[in-house]
Amino acid sequence: MFCSTRKCWRSAPLSSEPTMPLRPILLPADPQTPFPPVEWALREPCGLLAIGGDLSIERLLNAYRHGIFPWYSEGQPILWWSPDPRAVFETRCFALPSRFRRSLRQLPWRVTADQAFDAVINACASVPRRHQDGTWIVPEMLEAYRQFHEAGHAHSIEVWSGDRLVGGLYGVAIGRMFYGESMFSLESGASKAALGALMSRMREWGWPLLDAQVENPHLMQLGARRMPRTDFSQTVSELVRQSGNTGNWSALFGEIDTAQLAASRPALET
């Protein structure tokens, strides 16, 4: 996560030790301006680090390389976050629930990647969720991640029933690190299938970690765990420097059917 070409961010003279601010840092328009250290993120609201800037490809790459992500609602400025702890999935031990794997055998689904990015991100923004009004995927975010996808950094995982898109997720890949952003289901369990297929491919590629950002009961039930921000930052700083899979994933990912997904087992079970 730490780029050698970035300048050191300081809020005090060079002769002084930097002190943690009492409020988020205001970012200027220049996308080359470095983010403040993630340790400066507020405790309440948990992880709020900076405000402002833009959603350019350069800024987003800068953010994700340091474990920082944008998250805000309509009418708010751009807010940048680095929560502590972080919710993560480890590919070596991830497994879909056994009952769900059995049900998959009866479903005619297939899973692909990067064949319908616009449809996936639009569905993530528009499909209603329980206990949630509106969406944080505002029009500016939609356009920014479309451009991020065209540049080969953002990817979609699609679940199909015939030619109908029934679920999926999208996120960001840098090096051997994947950052999950959002998922949706039009049929029960479709987002689980998308996550399971992605984790299976990541395990094959030797990618150890998927960032799920902020914990919630659904993610924890699926097997996410809490990782302290210091450990997360250290791990990510190593993974983003390693050779990964850039560009369109359609051919690389291939297609996974429900029989393959039902038979998938984590490394710790084999």
C-alpha atoms as a PDB file:
ATOM      1  CA  MET A   1       0.000   0.000   0.000  1.00  0.00           C
ATOM      2  CA  PHE A   2       2.903   2.436   0.356  1.00  0.00           C
ATOM      3  CA  CYS A   3       4.113   3.983  -2.872  1.00  0.00           C
ATOM      4  CA  SER A   4       7.771   5.009  -2.916  1.00  0.00           C
ATOM      5  CA  THR A   5       7.025   8.022  -5.114  1.00  0.00           C
ATOM      6  CA  ARG A   6       4.603   9.562  -2.637  1.00  0.00           C
ATOM      7  CA  LYS A   7       5.549  12.505  -0.477  1.00  0.00           C
ATOM      8  CA  CYS A   8       5.311  12.351   3.292  1.00  0.00           C
ATOM      9  CA  TRP A   9       2.146  13.997   4.593  1.00  0.00           C
ATOM     10  CA  ARG A  10       2.805  16.375   7.470  1.00  0.00           C
ATOM     11  CA  SER A  11       0.571  18.779   9.357  1.00  0.00           C
ATOM     12  CA  ALA A  12       3.472  20.239  11.364  1.00  0.00           C
ATOM     13  CA  PRO A  13       6.928  21.671  10.605  1.00  0.00           C
ATOM     14  CA  LEU A  14       9.570  19.192   9.433  1.00  0.00           C
ATOM     15  CA  SER A  15      11.270  19.328  12.803  1.00  0.00           C
ATOM     16  CA  SER A  16       8.124  18.196  14.647  1.00  0.00           C
ATOM     17  CA  GLU A  17       6.553  14.789  14.961  1.00  0.00           C
ATOM     18  CA  PRO A  18       3.197  14.586  13.100  1.00  0.00           C
ATOM     19  CA  THR A  19       0.250  14.571  15.468  1.00  0.00           C
ATOM     20  CA  MET A  20      -3.122  12.920  14.931  1.00  0.00           C
ATOM     21  CA  PRO A  21      -5.717  15.515  13.831  1.00  0.00           C
ATOM     22  CA  LEU A  22      -9.036  15.947  15.592  1.00  0.00           C
ATOM     23  CA  ARG A  23     -10.987  16.020  12.315  1.00  0.00           C
ATOM     24  CA  PRO A  24     -10.670  14.458   8.834  1.00  0.00           C
ATOM     25  CA  ILE A  25      -8.007  15.862   6.511  1.00  0.00           C
ATOM     26  CA  LEU A  26      -9.326  18.040   3.663  1.00  0.00           C
ATOM     27  CA  LEU A  27      -7.886  16.827   0.351  1.00  0.00           C
ATOM     28  CA  PRO A  28      -7.060  19.309  -2.411  1.00  0.00           C
ATOM     29  CA  ALA A  29      -8.047  18.761  -6.037  1.00  0.00           C
ATOM     30  CA  ASP A  30      -4.610  17.503  -7.132  1.00  0.00           C
ATOM     31  CA  PRO A  31      -4.922  13.665  -7.370  1.00  0.00           C
ATOM     32  CA  GLN A  32      -1.187  13.291  -6.708  1.00  0.00           C
ATOM     33  CA  THR A  33      -1.598  14.696  -3.202  1.00  0.00           C
ATOM     34  CA  PRO A  34      -0.935  11.807  -0.795  1.00  0.00           C
ATOM     35  CA  PHE A  35      -3.481  10.618   1.699  1.00  0.00           C
ATOM     36  CA  PRO A  36      -2.682  11.106   5.367  1.00  0.00           C
ATOM     37  CA  PRO A  37      -1.501   8.037   7.311  1.00  0.00           C
ATOM     38  CA  VAL A  38      -4.373   5.616   7.916  1.00  0.00           C
ATOM     39  CA  GLU A  39      -3.566   5.756  11.635  1.00  0.00           C
ATOM     40  CA  TRP A  40      -5.018   9.263  11.577  1.00  0.00           C
ATOM     41  CA  ALA A  41      -8.522   7.958  10.819  1.00  0.00           C
ATOM     42  CA  LEU A  42     -11.149   8.943  13.366  1.00  0.00           C
ATOM     43  CA  ARG A  43     -12.477   6.508  15.926  1.00  0.00           C
ATOM     44  CA  GLU A  44     -15.951   8.025  15.593  1.00  0.00           C
ATOM     45  CA  PRO A  45     -17.221   7.683  12.950  1.00  0.00           C
ATOM     46  CA  CYS A  46     -14.925   4.688  12.783  1.00  0.00           C
ATOM     47  CA  GLY A  47     -12.359   4.996  10.018  1.00  0.00           C
ATOM     48  CA  LEU A  48     -13.197   8.401   8.520  1.00  0.00           C
ATOM     49  CA  LEU A  49      -9.842   9.675   7.263  1.00  0.00           C
ATOM     50  CA  ALA A  50     -10.260  12.446   4.685  1.00  0.00           C
ATOM     51  CA  ILE A  51     -12.780  14.593   2.832  1.00  0.00           C
ATOM     52  CA  GLY A  52     -12.785  15.921  -0.712  1.00  0.00           C
ATOM     53  CA  GLY A  53     -10.452  15.301  -3.622  1.00  0.00           C
ATOM     54  CA  ASP A  54     -11.841  13.552  -6.668  1.00  0.00           C
ATOM     55  CA  LEU A  55     -12.600  10.072  -8.036  1.00  0.00           C
ATOM     56  CA  SER A  56      -9.993  10.015 -10.796  1.00  0.00           C
ATOM     57  CA  ILE A  57      -8.264   6.752 -11.680  1.00  0.00           C
ATOM     58  CA  GLU A  58      -5.026   8.073 -10.212  1.00  0.00           C
ATOM     59  CA  ARG A  59      -6.693   8.989  -6.911  1.00  0.00           C
ATOM     60  CA  LEU A  60      -8.545   5.673  -6.644  1.00  0.00           C
ATOM     61  CA  LEU A  61      -5.376   3.676  -7.306  1.00  0.00           C
ATOM     62  CA  ASN A  62      -3.593   5.747  -4.694  1.00  0.00           C
ATOM     63  CA  ALA A  63      -6.375   5.073  -2.191  1.00  0.00           C
ATOM     64  CA  TYR A  64      -6.748   1.324  -2.701  1.00  0.00           C
ATOM     65  CA  ARG A  65      -2.987   0.762  -2.597  1.00  0.00           C
ATOM     66  CA  HIS A  66      -3.172   2.105   0.938  1.00  0.00           C
ATOM     67  CA  GLY A  67      -6.352   0.311   2.018  1.00  0.00           C
ATOM     68  CA  ILE A  68      -8.502   3.461   1.726  1.00  0.00           C
ATOM     69  CA  PHE A  69     -11.869   3.560  -0.032  1.00  0.00           C
ATOM     70  CA  PRO A  70     -14.535   6.190  -0.858  1.00  0.00           C
ATOM     71  CA  TRP A  71     -17.980   5.889   0.729  1.00  0.00           C
ATOM     72  CA  TYR A  72     -20.535   8.671   0.868  1.00  0.00           C
ATOM     73  CA  SER A  73     -24.164   9.484   0.102  1.00  0.00           C
ATOM     74  CA  GLU A  74     -25.959  11.887  -2.203  1.00  0.00           C
ATOM     75  CA  GLY A  75     -25.421  15.473  -1.103  1.00  0.00           C
ATOM     76  CA  GLN A  76     -22.237  14.720   0.852  1.00  0.00           C
ATOM     77  CA  PRO A  77     -18.653  15.499  -0.164  1.00  0.00           C
ATOM     78  CA  ILE A  78     -16.410  12.556  -1.051  1.00  0.00           C
ATOM     79  CA  LEU A  79     -15.521  10.749   2.181  1.00  0.00           C
ATOM     80  CA  TRP A  80     -12.482   8.452   2.447  1.00  0.00           C
ATOM     81  CA  TRP A  81     -12.318   5.612   4.979  1.00  0.00           C
ATOM     82  CA  SER A  82      -9.892   3.210   6.621  1.00  0.00           C
ATOM     83  CA  PRO A  83     -11.806   1.411   9.395  1.00  0.00           C
ATOM     84  CA  ASP A  84     -10.271  -0.507  12.282  1.00  0.00           C
ATOM     85  CA  PRO A  85     -10.786  -3.423  12.429  1.00  0.00           C
ATOM     86  CA  ARG A  86     -11.256  -4.453   8.811  1.00  0.00           C
ATOM     87  CA  ALA A  87     -13.647  -7.192   7.645  1.00  0.00           C
ATOM     88  CA  VAL A  88     -11.804  -9.672   5.405  1.00  0.00           C
ATOM     89  CA  PHE A  89     -12.220 -13.110   3.830  1.00  0.00           C
ATOM     90  CA  GLU A  90      -9.275 -15.500   3.632  1.00  0.00           C
ATOM     91  CA  THR A  91      -9.367 -17.669   0.529  1.00  0.00           C
ATOM     92  CA  ARG A  92      -7.518 -20.577   2.179  1.00  0.00           C
ATOM     93  CA  CYS A  93     -10.366 -21.221   4.596  1.00  0.00           C
ATOM     94  CA  PHE A  94     -13.455 -19.755   2.900  1.00  0.00           C
ATOM     95  CA  ALA A  95     -16.319 -22.174   2.270  1.00  0.00           C
ATOM     96  CA  LEU A  96     -19.923 -21.656   1.290  1.00  0.00           C
ATOM     97  CA  PRO A  97     -22.334 -23.164   3.832  1.00  0.00           C
ATOM     98  CA  SER A  98     -22.776 -26.883   3.186  1.00  0.00           C
ATOM     99  CA  ARG A  99     -26.571 -26.580   3.000  1.00  0.00           C
ATOM    100  CA  PHE A 100     -26.248 -23.861   0.372  1.00  0.00           C
ATOM    101  CA  ARG A 101     -23.743 -25.948  -1.614  1.00  0.00           C
ATOM    102  CA  ARG A 102     -26.247 -28.808  -1.719  1.00  0.00           C
ATOM    103  CA  SER A 103     -28.976 -26.476  -2.985  1.00  0.00           C
ATOM    104  CA  LEU A 104     -26.679 -25.191  -5.727  1.00  0.00           C
ATOM    105  CA  ARG A 105     -26.807 -28.559  -7.478  1.00  0.00           C
ATOM    106  CA  GLN A 106     -30.469 -27.942  -8.277  1.00  0.00           C
ATOM    107  CA  LEU A 107     -29.879 -24.496  -9.781  1.00  0.00           C
ATOM    108  CA  PRO A 108     -29.077 -23.812 -13.465  1.00  0.00           C
ATOM    109  CA  TRP A 109     -26.724 -20.933 -12.686  1.00  0.00           C
ATOM    110  CA  ARG A 110     -23.343 -20.160 -14.221  1.00  0.00           C
ATOM    111  CA  VAL A 111     -20.810 -17.570 -13.037  1.00  0.00           C
ATOM    112  CA  THR A 112     -18.647 -15.350 -15.238  1.00  0.00           C
ATOM    113  CA  ALA A 113     -16.496 -12.240 -14.865  1.00  0.00           C
ATOM    114  CA  ASP A 114     -16.348  -8.877 -16.641  1.00  0.00           C
ATOM    115  CA  GLN A 115     -19.104  -9.702 -19.101  1.00  0.00           C
ATOM    116  CA  ALA A 116     -21.657  -7.223 -17.726  1.00  0.00           C
ATOM    117  CA  PHE A 117     -19.895  -4.700 -15.497  1.00  0.00           C
ATOM    118  CA  ASP A 118     -22.368  -1.883 -16.139  1.00  0.00           C
ATOM    119  CA  ALA A 119     -25.347  -4.122 -15.411  1.00  0.00           C
ATOM    120  CA  VAL A 120     -23.781  -5.360 -12.170  1.00  0.00           C
ATOM    121  CA  ILE A 121     -22.848  -1.971 -10.763  1.00  0.00           C
ATOM    122  CA  ASN A 122     -26.227  -0.527 -11.772  1.00  0.00           C
ATOM    123  CA  ALA A 123     -27.987  -3.388  -9.994  1.00  0.00           C
ATOM    124  CA  CYS A 124     -25.828  -2.901  -6.898  1.00  0.00           C
ATOM    125  CA  ALA A 125     -26.933   0.741  -6.902  1.00  0.00           C
ATOM    126  CA  SER A 126     -30.622   0.131  -7.522  1.00  0.00           C
ATOM    127  CA  VAL A 127     -31.733  -3.225  -6.081  1.00  0.00           C
ATOM    128  CA  PRO A 128     -33.557  -2.518  -2.777  1.00  0.00           C
ATOM    129  CA  ARG A 129     -32.043  -3.888   0.451  1.00  0.00           C
ATOM    130  CA  ARG A 130     -33.741  -4.485   3.764  1.00  0.00           C
ATOM    131  CA  HIS A 131     -33.190  -1.761   6.368  1.00  0.00           C
ATOM    132  CA  GLN A 132     -31.490   0.492   3.810  1.00  0.00           C
ATOM    133  CA  ASP A 133     -32.871   3.635   2.188  1.00  0.00           C
ATOM    134  CA  GLY A 134     -31.143   4.919  -0.917  1.00  0.00           C
ATOM    135  CA  THR A 135     -27.647   4.021  -2.057  1.00  0.00           C
ATOM    136  CA  TRP A 136     -24.061   5.179  -1.598  1.00  0.00           C
ATOM    137  CA  ILE A 137     -23.331   4.322  -5.252  1.00  0.00           C
ATOM    138  CA  VAL A 138     -24.175   7.829  -6.459  1.00  0.00           C
ATOM    139  CA  PRO A 139     -23.907   8.814 -10.156  1.00  0.00           C
ATOM    140  CA  GLU A 140     -20.351  10.114  -9.707  1.00  0.00           C
ATOM    141  CA  MET A 141     -19.321   6.756  -8.224  1.00  0.00           C
ATOM    142  CA  LEU A 142     -20.973   4.872 -11.074  1.00  0.00           C
ATOM    143  CA  GLU A 143     -19.048   6.842 -13.669  1.00  0.00           C
ATOM    144  CA  ALA A 144     -15.761   6.647 -11.753  1.00  0.00           C
ATOM    145  CA  TYR A 145     -15.880   2.859 -11.399  1.00  0.00           C
ATOM    146  CA  ARG A 146     -16.914   2.414 -15.028  1.00  0.00           C
ATOM    147  CA  GLN A 147     -13.729   4.241 -15.970  1.00  0.00           C
ATOM    148  CA  PHE A 148     -11.807   2.183 -13.407  1.00  0.00           C
ATOM    149  CA  HIS A 149     -13.173  -0.953 -15.073  1.00  0.00           C
ATOM    150  CA  GLU A 150     -12.188   0.236 -18.545  1.00  0.00           C
ATOM    151  CA  ALA A 151      -8.679   0.835 -17.191  1.00  0.00           C
ATOM    152  CA  GLY A 152      -8.546  -2.812 -16.041  1.00  0.00           C
ATOM    153  CA  HIS A 153      -8.742  -2.261 -12.270  1.00  0.00           C
ATOM    154  CA  ALA A 154     -12.434  -2.797 -11.418  1.00  0.00           C
ATOM    155  CA  HIS A 155     -14.137  -6.119 -12.110  1.00  0.00           C
ATOM    156  CA  SER A 156     -17.572  -7.678 -11.987  1.00  0.00           C
ATOM    157  CA  ILE A 157     -18.628 -11.218 -11.164  1.00  0.00           C
ATOM    158  CA  GLU A 158     -21.945 -12.206 -12.751  1.00  0.00           C
ATOM    159  CA  VAL A 159     -24.397 -14.982 -11.902  1.00  0.00           C
ATOM    160  CA  TRP A 160     -26.633 -16.000 -14.794  1.00  0.00           C
ATOM    161  CA  SER A 161     -29.764 -18.099 -15.090  1.00  0.00           C
ATOM    162  CA  GLY A 162     -29.821 -18.695 -18.811  1.00  0.00           C
ATOM    163  CA  ASP A 163     -29.327 -15.218 -20.270  1.00  0.00           C
ATOM    164  CA  ARG A 164     -30.786 -13.447 -17.227  1.00  0.00           C
ATOM    165  CA  LEU A 165     -28.483 -11.757 -14.713  1.00  0.00           C
ATOM    166  CA  VAL A 166     -29.671 -12.865 -11.263  1.00  0.00           C
ATOM    167  CA  GLY A 167     -26.836 -11.712  -9.013  1.00  0.00           C
ATOM    168  CA  GLY A 168     -23.295 -10.544  -8.803  1.00  0.00           C
ATOM    169  CA  LEU A 169     -20.691  -8.340  -7.202  1.00  0.00           C
ATOM    170  CA  TYR A 170     -18.025  -5.864  -8.196  1.00  0.00           C
ATOM    171  CA  GLY A 171     -14.740  -4.735  -6.710  1.00  0.00           C
ATOM    172  CA  VAL A 172     -11.193  -3.606  -7.339  1.00  0.00           C
ATOM    173  CA  ALA A 173      -8.075  -5.723  -7.986  1.00  0.00           C
ATOM    174  CA  ILE A 174      -4.541  -4.402  -7.504  1.00  0.00           C
ATOM    175  CA  GLY A 175      -1.612  -6.801  -7.500  1.00  0.00           C
ATOM    176  CA  ARG A 176      -2.879  -9.928  -5.707  1.00  0.00           C
ATOM    177  CA  MET A 177      -5.398  -8.057  -3.577  1.00  0.00           C
ATOM    178  CA  PHE A 178      -9.150  -7.838  -4.206  1.00  0.00           C
ATOM    179  CA  TYR A 179     -11.338  -5.191  -2.594  1.00  0.00           C
ATOM    180  CA  GLY A 180     -15.031  -6.076  -2.578  1.00  0.00           C
ATOM    181  CA  GLU A 181     -17.341  -3.108  -3.070  1.00  0.00           C
ATOM    182  CA  SER A 182     -20.946  -4.279  -3.366  1.00  0.00           C
ATOM    183  CA  MET A 183     -23.112  -7.271  -4.268  1.00  0.00           C
ATOM    184  CA  PHE A 184     -26.730  -7.904  -5.195  1.00  0.00           C
ATOM    185  CA  SER A 185     -29.221 -10.746  -5.647  1.00  0.00           C
ATOM    186  CA  LEU A 186     -32.355 -10.973  -7.742  1.00  0.00           C
ATOM    187  CA  GLU A 187     -32.735 -14.629  -6.756  1.00  0.00           C
ATOM    188  CA  SER A 188     -32.014 -15.920  -3.267  1.00  0.00           C
ATOM    189  CA  GLY A 189     -28.373 -16.888  -2.809  1.00  0.00           C
ATOM    190  CA  ALA A 190     -27.083 -15.466  -6.085  1.00  0.00           C
ATOM    191  CA  SER A 191     -24.667 -13.047  -4.417  1.00  0.00           C
ATOM    192  CA  LYS A 192     -23.327 -15.936  -2.299  1.00  0.00           C
ATOM    193  CA  ALA A 193     -22.665 -17.863  -5.502  1.00  0.00           C
ATOM    194  CA  ALA A 194     -20.791 -14.885  -6.952  1.00  0.00           C
ATOM    195  CA  LEU A 195     -18.660 -14.589  -3.822  1.00  0.00           C
ATOM    196  CA  GLY A 196     -18.008 -18.330  -3.730  1.00  0.00           C
ATOM    197  CA  ALA A 197     -16.904 -18.398  -7.370  1.00  0.00           C
ATOM    198  CA  LEU A 198     -14.608 -15.412  -6.908  1.00  0.00           C
ATOM    199  CA  MET A 199     -13.024 -16.919  -3.800  1.00  0.00           C
ATOM    200  CA  SER A 200     -12.481 -20.205  -5.648  1.00  0.00           C
ATOM    201  CA  ARG A 201     -10.687 -18.458  -8.513  1.00  0.00           C
ATOM    202  CA  MET A 202      -8.638 -16.323  -6.122  1.00  0.00           C
ATOM    203  CA  ARG A 203      -7.533 -19.462  -4.296  1.00  0.00           C
ATOM    204  CA  GLU A 204      -6.404 -20.970  -7.617  1.00  0.00           C
ATOM    205  CA  TRP A 205      -4.495 -17.783  -8.482  1.00  0.00           C
ATOM    206  CA  GLY A 206      -2.762 -17.637  -5.107  1.00  0.00           C
ATOM    207  CA  TRP A 207      -4.573 -14.513  -3.924  1.00  0.00           C
ATOM    208  CA  PRO A 208      -4.959 -14.857  -0.142  1.00  0.00           C
ATOM    209  CA  LEU A 209      -7.251 -12.020   0.921  1.00  0.00           C
ATOM    210  CA  LEU A 210     -10.511 -10.305  -0.056  1.00  0.00           C
ATOM    211  CA  ASP A 211     -11.315  -7.038   1.659  1.00  0.00           C
ATOM    212  CA  ALA A 212     -14.957  -6.721   2.717  1.00  0.00           C
ATOM    213  CA  GLN A 213     -14.387  -3.289   4.308  1.00  0.00           C
ATOM    214  CA  VAL A 214     -16.901  -2.939   7.171  1.00  0.00           C
ATOM    215  CA  GLU A 215     -18.347  -5.907   9.008  1.00  0.00           C
ATOM    216  CA  ASN A 216     -22.048  -6.685   9.131  1.00  0.00           C
ATOM    217  CA  PRO A 217     -23.940  -9.787  10.327  1.00  0.00           C
ATOM    218  CA  HIS A 218     -24.340 -11.177   6.791  1.00  0.00           C
ATOM    219  CA  LEU A 219     -20.623 -11.001   6.030  1.00  0.00           C
ATOM    220  CA  MET A 220     -19.677 -12.510   9.374  1.00  0.00           C
ATOM    221  CA  GLN A 221     -22.094 -15.403   8.806  1.00  0.00           C
ATOM    222  CA  LEU A 222     -20.396 -16.066   5.475  1.00  0.00           C
ATOM    223  CA  GLY A 223     -17.030 -16.393   7.192  1.00  0.00           C
ATOM    224  CA  ALA A 224     -15.529 -12.908   7.239  1.00  0.00           C
ATOM    225  CA  ARG A 225     -13.223 -12.150  10.143  1.00  0.00           C
ATOM    226  CA  ARG A 226     -11.942  -8.992  11.780  1.00  0.00           C
ATOM    227  CA  MET A 227      -8.371  -7.951  11.020  1.00  0.00           C
ATOM    228  CA  PRO A 228      -6.655  -5.117  12.914  1.00  0.00           C
ATOM    229  CA  ARG A 229      -5.838  -2.204  10.636  1.00  0.00           C
ATOM    230  CA  THR A 230      -2.102  -2.478  11.327  1.00  0.00           C
ATOM    231  CA  ASP A 231      -2.100  -6.116  10.155  1.00  0.00           C
ATOM    232  CA  PHE A 232      -4.323  -5.300   7.201  1.00  0.00           C
ATOM    233  CA  SER A 233      -2.099  -2.424   6.077  1.00  0.00           C
ATOM    234  CA  GLN A 234       1.040  -4.532   6.306  1.00  0.00           C
ATOM    235  CA  THR A 235      -0.513  -7.404   4.359  1.00  0.00           C
ATOM    236  CA  VAL A 236      -1.949  -5.182   1.659  1.00  0.00           C
ATOM    237  CA  SER A 237       1.295  -3.237   1.231  1.00  0.00           C
ATOM    238  CA  GLU A 238       2.923  -6.522   0.216  1.00  0.00           C
ATOM    239  CA  LEU A 239       0.099  -7.893  -1.952  1.00  0.00           C
ATOM    240  CA  VAL A 240      -0.444  -4.778  -4.084  1.00  0.00           C
ATOM    241  CA  ARG A 241       3.215  -4.857  -5.168  1.00  0.00           C
ATOM    242  CA  GLN A 242       2.977  -8.410  -6.496  1.00  0.00           C
ATOM    243  CA  SER A 243       2.127  -9.359 -10.051  1.00  0.00           C
ATOM    244  CA  GLY A 244      -1.617  -9.756 -10.568  1.00  0.00           C
ATOM    245  CA  ASN A 245      -4.237 -10.091 -13.275  1.00  0.00           C
ATOM    246  CA  THR A 246      -4.884  -6.743 -14.928  1.00  0.00           C
ATOM    247  CA  GLY A 247      -7.241  -6.039 -17.794  1.00  0.00           C
ATOM    248  CA  ASN A 248     -10.475  -7.816 -18.617  1.00  0.00           C
ATOM    249  CA  TRP A 249     -11.043 -11.032 -16.644  1.00  0.00           C
ATOM    250  CA  SER A 250     -13.608 -12.648 -18.941  1.00  0.00           C
ATOM    251  CA  ALA A 251     -11.290 -15.242 -20.531  1.00  0.00           C
ATOM    252  CA  LEU A 252      -9.050 -15.629 -17.478  1.00  0.00           C
ATOM    253  CA  PHE A 253     -11.941 -16.290 -15.102  1.00  0.00           C
ATOM    254  CA  GLY A 254     -13.831 -18.510 -17.513  1.00  0.00           C
ATOM    255  CA  GLU A 255     -17.159 -19.945 -16.449  1.00  0.00           C
ATOM    256  CA  ILE A 256     -18.086 -21.799 -13.269  1.00  0.00           C
ATOM    257  CA  ASP A 257     -21.299 -23.794 -13.093  1.00  0.00           C
ATOM    258  CA  THR A 258     -23.181 -24.671  -9.932  1.00  0.00           C
ATOM    259  CA  ALA A 259     -21.898 -28.259  -9.891  1.00  0.00           C
ATOM    260  CA  GLN A 260     -18.312 -26.975  -9.779  1.00  0.00           C
ATOM    261  CA  LEU A 261     -19.220 -24.419  -7.147  1.00  0.00           C
ATOM    262  CA  ALA A 262     -20.974 -27.020  -5.000  1.00  0.00           C
ATOM    263  CA  ALA A 263     -17.864 -29.213  -5.136  1.00  0.00           C
ATOM    264  CA  SER A 264     -15.464 -26.389  -4.235  1.00  0.00           C
ATOM    265  CA  ARG A 265     -13.612 -26.885  -0.957  1.00  0.00           C
ATOM    266  CA  PRO A 266     -11.201 -24.633   0.912  1.00  0.00           C
ATOM    267  CA  ALA A 267      -7.572 -25.629   1.231  1.00  0.00           C
ATOM    268  CA  LEU A 268      -8.009 -26.355   4.935  1.00  0.00           C
ATOM    269  CA  GLU A 269     -10.603 -29.031   4.139  1.00  0.00           C
ATOM    270  CA  THR A 270      -8.466 -30.848   1.565  1.00  0.00           C
END
